[in-house]
Amino acid sequence: MKNNTPLIYSVFDINVINLFKNISIVILGTLFLSISSKIQVPFWPVPMTMQTFVVFIIGMTYGFKLASLTLFAYLMEGALGLPVFAKGGGLAYLSGPTAGYLYGMVFAGGIIGFFADRGFNDSYFKSFMSLILGAFVIFLFGIGYLGSIIGYDKAMVAGLYPFILSELFKIGLAAAIIPTVKKLLIKKNE
């Protein structure tokens, strides 16, 4: 296994990438995102969900191209009205208070995937740093958009501060899981 091979290909032992396999992987990712959006602790205006954890895992395992495509497909599923978001779907959801977080997840997945393609999953520290950057991007978009609706002070209080500890936990969990799985797979394939 090459160090710059997306981890998802190692897990499924994909040697020849074709359209069907990529579509299946994207659909699997959007399914996990949809399920993770339903695992939530209610807050207003932004619920606490497991979506960011799944974004972290997708970015780290899929790599830049597939992660970006998966997160974009997820938004498109929601825009078409599929109930993939925390409280449903539809175009109105993509302009509501949580829209910035959703858009930020697309960029964060791509950024994390970019670093994964460059071997950052080989190290717990590098994984942690790429995930911190990804979380920062999600909250930058989320707070930026939410602040334009309810004011930036309120956006920080309602859309950032309550989530800091849970995000650090999700980052730590993802940064512990993926490098460990990758090391186990490398050892298995030797």
Protein backbone atom coordinates (compact mmCIF):
# COMPACT_ATOMS: atom_id res chain seq x y z
CA MET A 1 0.00 0.00 0.00
CA LYS A 2 1.40 3.37 -1.01
CA ASN A 3 1.33 6.05 1.70
CA ASN A 4 -0.68 8.42 -0.49
CA THR A 5 -3.41 5.86 -1.26
CA PRO A 6 -6.75 6.87 0.26
CA LEU A 7 -7.44 4.58 3.22
CA ILE A 8 -10.88 3.57 1.92
CA TYR A 9 -9.19 1.74 -0.98
CA SER A 10 -7.04 -0.23 1.45
CA VAL A 11 -10.03 -1.24 3.55
CA PHE A 12 -11.94 -2.52 0.54
CA ASP A 13 -8.80 -3.75 -1.30
CA ILE A 14 -9.70 -1.85 -4.46
CA ASN A 15 -6.98 -2.20 -7.06
CA VAL A 16 -8.82 -0.97 -10.13
CA ILE A 17 -10.96 2.07 -9.52
CA ASN A 18 -14.03 2.30 -11.70
CA LEU A 19 -17.10 4.46 -11.78
CA PHE A 20 -19.38 1.95 -10.03
CA LYS A 21 -17.02 1.54 -7.09
CA ASN A 22 -16.60 5.29 -6.68
CA ILE A 23 -20.35 5.87 -6.84
CA SER A 24 -20.87 3.13 -4.25
CA ILE A 25 -18.28 4.70 -1.96
CA VAL A 26 -19.88 8.15 -2.34
CA ILE A 27 -23.35 6.76 -1.60
CA LEU A 28 -21.99 4.91 1.44
CA GLY A 29 -20.47 8.17 2.68
CA THR A 30 -23.68 10.15 2.20
CA LEU A 31 -25.58 7.40 4.00
CA PHE A 32 -23.22 7.64 6.99
CA LEU A 33 -23.55 11.43 6.93
CA SER A 34 -27.33 11.18 6.89
CA ILE A 35 -27.37 8.73 9.81
CA SER A 36 -24.88 10.87 11.75
CA SER A 37 -27.08 13.94 11.33
CA LYS A 38 -29.86 12.14 13.18
CA ILE A 39 -27.61 11.40 16.19
CA GLN A 40 -28.01 14.72 17.94
CA VAL A 41 -28.28 16.70 21.11
CA PRO A 42 -30.81 19.50 20.54
CA PHE A 43 -29.46 23.03 20.72
CA TRP A 44 -30.74 26.19 19.12
CA PRO A 45 -30.08 27.34 16.45
CA VAL A 46 -27.54 24.61 15.64
CA PRO A 47 -28.05 21.05 16.90
CA MET A 48 -25.03 19.05 18.09
CA THR A 49 -24.67 16.05 15.77
CA MET A 50 -22.09 13.44 14.83
CA GLN A 51 -21.84 14.85 11.29
CA THR A 52 -18.49 16.50 11.83
CA PHE A 53 -17.03 13.22 13.10
CA VAL A 54 -18.19 11.49 9.91
CA VAL A 55 -16.81 14.37 7.82
CA PHE A 56 -13.46 13.83 9.57
CA ILE A 57 -13.54 10.10 8.87
CA ILE A 58 -14.59 10.58 5.23
CA GLY A 59 -11.86 13.16 4.64
CA MET A 60 -9.21 10.96 6.22
CA THR A 61 -10.25 7.76 4.44
CA TYR A 62 -11.51 8.95 1.05
CA GLY A 63 -8.86 11.49 0.12
CA PHE A 64 -9.43 14.86 -1.53
CA LYS A 65 -11.41 13.92 -4.64
CA LEU A 66 -13.79 11.37 -3.16
CA ALA A 67 -14.30 13.31 0.08
CA SER A 68 -15.14 16.50 -1.81
CA LEU A 69 -17.47 14.63 -4.14
CA THR A 70 -19.16 12.82 -1.25
CA LEU A 71 -19.81 16.00 0.73
CA PHE A 72 -21.06 17.79 -2.38
CA ALA A 73 -23.36 14.84 -3.19
CA TYR A 74 -24.67 14.98 0.38
CA LEU A 75 -25.65 18.63 -0.06
CA MET A 76 -27.27 17.83 -3.40
CA GLU A 77 -29.30 15.01 -1.83
CA GLY A 78 -30.52 17.46 0.78
CA ALA A 79 -31.25 20.13 -1.82
CA LEU A 80 -33.40 17.62 -3.70
CA GLY A 81 -35.49 17.21 -0.55
CA LEU A 82 -34.13 13.94 0.80
CA PRO A 83 -34.23 14.06 4.62
CA VAL A 84 -30.47 13.77 5.03
CA PHE A 85 -29.93 16.76 7.33
CA ALA A 86 -30.55 16.94 11.08
CA LYS A 87 -34.14 18.10 10.62
CA GLY A 88 -35.03 17.16 7.06
CA GLY A 89 -34.01 18.41 3.66
CA GLY A 90 -34.91 20.83 0.88
CA LEU A 91 -33.50 24.01 -0.60
CA ALA A 92 -34.73 26.11 2.33
CA TYR A 93 -32.48 24.09 4.63
CA LEU A 94 -29.46 25.23 2.60
CA SER A 95 -30.23 28.85 3.44
CA GLY A 96 -31.28 28.36 7.08
CA PRO A 97 -29.16 28.97 10.17
CA THR A 98 -27.09 25.79 9.75
CA ALA A 99 -26.31 26.32 6.05
CA GLY A 100 -22.84 27.71 6.69
CA TYR A 101 -21.85 24.62 8.65
CA LEU A 102 -23.05 22.40 5.81
CA TYR A 103 -21.07 24.34 3.21
CA GLY A 104 -18.06 24.36 5.52
CA MET A 105 -18.22 20.57 5.75
CA VAL A 106 -17.66 20.29 1.99
CA PHE A 107 -14.49 22.38 2.20
CA ALA A 108 -13.34 20.70 5.41
CA GLY A 109 -13.75 17.22 3.93
CA GLY A 110 -11.70 18.29 0.92
CA ILE A 111 -8.97 19.88 3.05
CA ILE A 112 -8.71 16.86 5.35
CA GLY A 113 -8.67 14.61 2.28
CA PHE A 114 -5.93 16.74 0.72
CA PHE A 115 -3.73 16.15 3.76
CA ALA A 116 -4.68 12.47 3.88
CA ASP A 117 -3.48 12.12 0.29
CA ARG A 118 -0.12 13.47 1.48
CA GLY A 119 0.32 10.88 4.21
CA PHE A 120 -0.95 12.84 7.21
CA ASN A 121 -2.85 9.74 8.38
CA ASP A 122 0.47 8.06 9.15
CA SER A 123 0.90 10.21 12.23
CA TYR A 124 -1.45 10.84 15.14
CA PHE A 125 -0.16 14.39 15.47
CA LYS A 126 -0.48 15.23 11.76
CA SER A 127 -3.96 13.68 11.69
CA PHE A 128 -4.93 15.77 14.69
CA MET A 129 -3.63 18.94 13.03
CA SER A 130 -5.48 18.30 9.75
CA LEU A 131 -8.68 17.67 11.71
CA ILE A 132 -8.24 20.86 13.75
CA LEU A 133 -7.93 22.75 10.45
CA GLY A 134 -11.02 20.98 9.09
CA ALA A 135 -13.05 21.83 12.21
CA PHE A 136 -11.84 25.42 12.00
CA VAL A 137 -13.11 25.65 8.41
CA ILE A 138 -16.52 24.19 9.36
CA PHE A 139 -16.92 26.71 12.18
CA LEU A 140 -15.55 29.58 10.10
CA PHE A 141 -18.26 29.03 7.50
CA GLY A 142 -20.89 28.18 10.12
CA ILE A 143 -20.28 31.17 12.39
CA GLY A 144 -19.79 33.44 9.40
CA TYR A 145 -23.18 32.58 7.96
CA LEU A 146 -25.05 32.26 11.27
CA GLY A 147 -23.59 35.58 12.39
CA SER A 148 -25.00 37.28 9.31
CA ILE A 149 -28.44 36.11 10.45
CA ILE A 150 -28.43 36.54 14.25
CA GLY A 151 -25.33 38.67 14.87
CA TYR A 152 -21.77 37.50 15.43
CA ASP A 153 -21.77 37.70 19.22
CA LYS A 154 -24.89 35.55 19.41
CA ALA A 155 -23.47 33.20 16.75
CA MET A 156 -20.36 32.61 18.85
CA VAL A 157 -22.45 31.94 21.96
CA ALA A 158 -24.99 29.68 20.21
CA GLY A 159 -22.93 28.19 17.40
CA LEU A 160 -19.38 27.77 18.68
CA TYR A 161 -18.81 27.80 22.44
CA PRO A 162 -21.18 24.91 23.29
CA PHE A 163 -19.47 22.73 20.68
CA ILE A 164 -15.78 23.20 21.48
CA LEU A 165 -15.41 20.27 23.89
CA SER A 166 -17.49 17.88 21.78
CA GLU A 167 -15.50 18.80 18.66
CA LEU A 168 -12.21 18.24 20.45
CA PHE A 169 -13.49 14.83 21.53
CA LYS A 170 -14.53 13.96 17.94
CA ILE A 171 -11.19 15.20 16.60
CA GLY A 172 -9.29 13.17 19.18
CA LEU A 173 -11.34 10.07 18.44
CA ALA A 174 -10.88 10.34 14.67
CA ALA A 175 -7.16 11.13 15.07
CA ALA A 176 -6.78 8.00 17.20
CA ILE A 177 -8.83 5.66 15.00
CA ILE A 178 -7.64 6.32 11.46
CA PRO A 179 -3.82 6.18 11.95
CA THR A 180 -4.30 3.05 14.06
CA VAL A 181 -6.43 1.37 11.39
CA LYS A 182 -3.95 2.40 8.71
CA LYS A 183 -1.02 0.97 10.68
CA LEU A 184 -2.92 -2.30 11.24
CA LEU A 185 -3.71 -2.57 7.52
CA ILE A 186 -0.09 -1.90 6.55
CA LYS A 187 1.08 -4.55 9.03
CA LYS A 188 -1.52 -7.01 7.67
CA ASN A 189 -0.44 -6.42 4.06
CA GLU A 190 3.29 -6.88 4.77
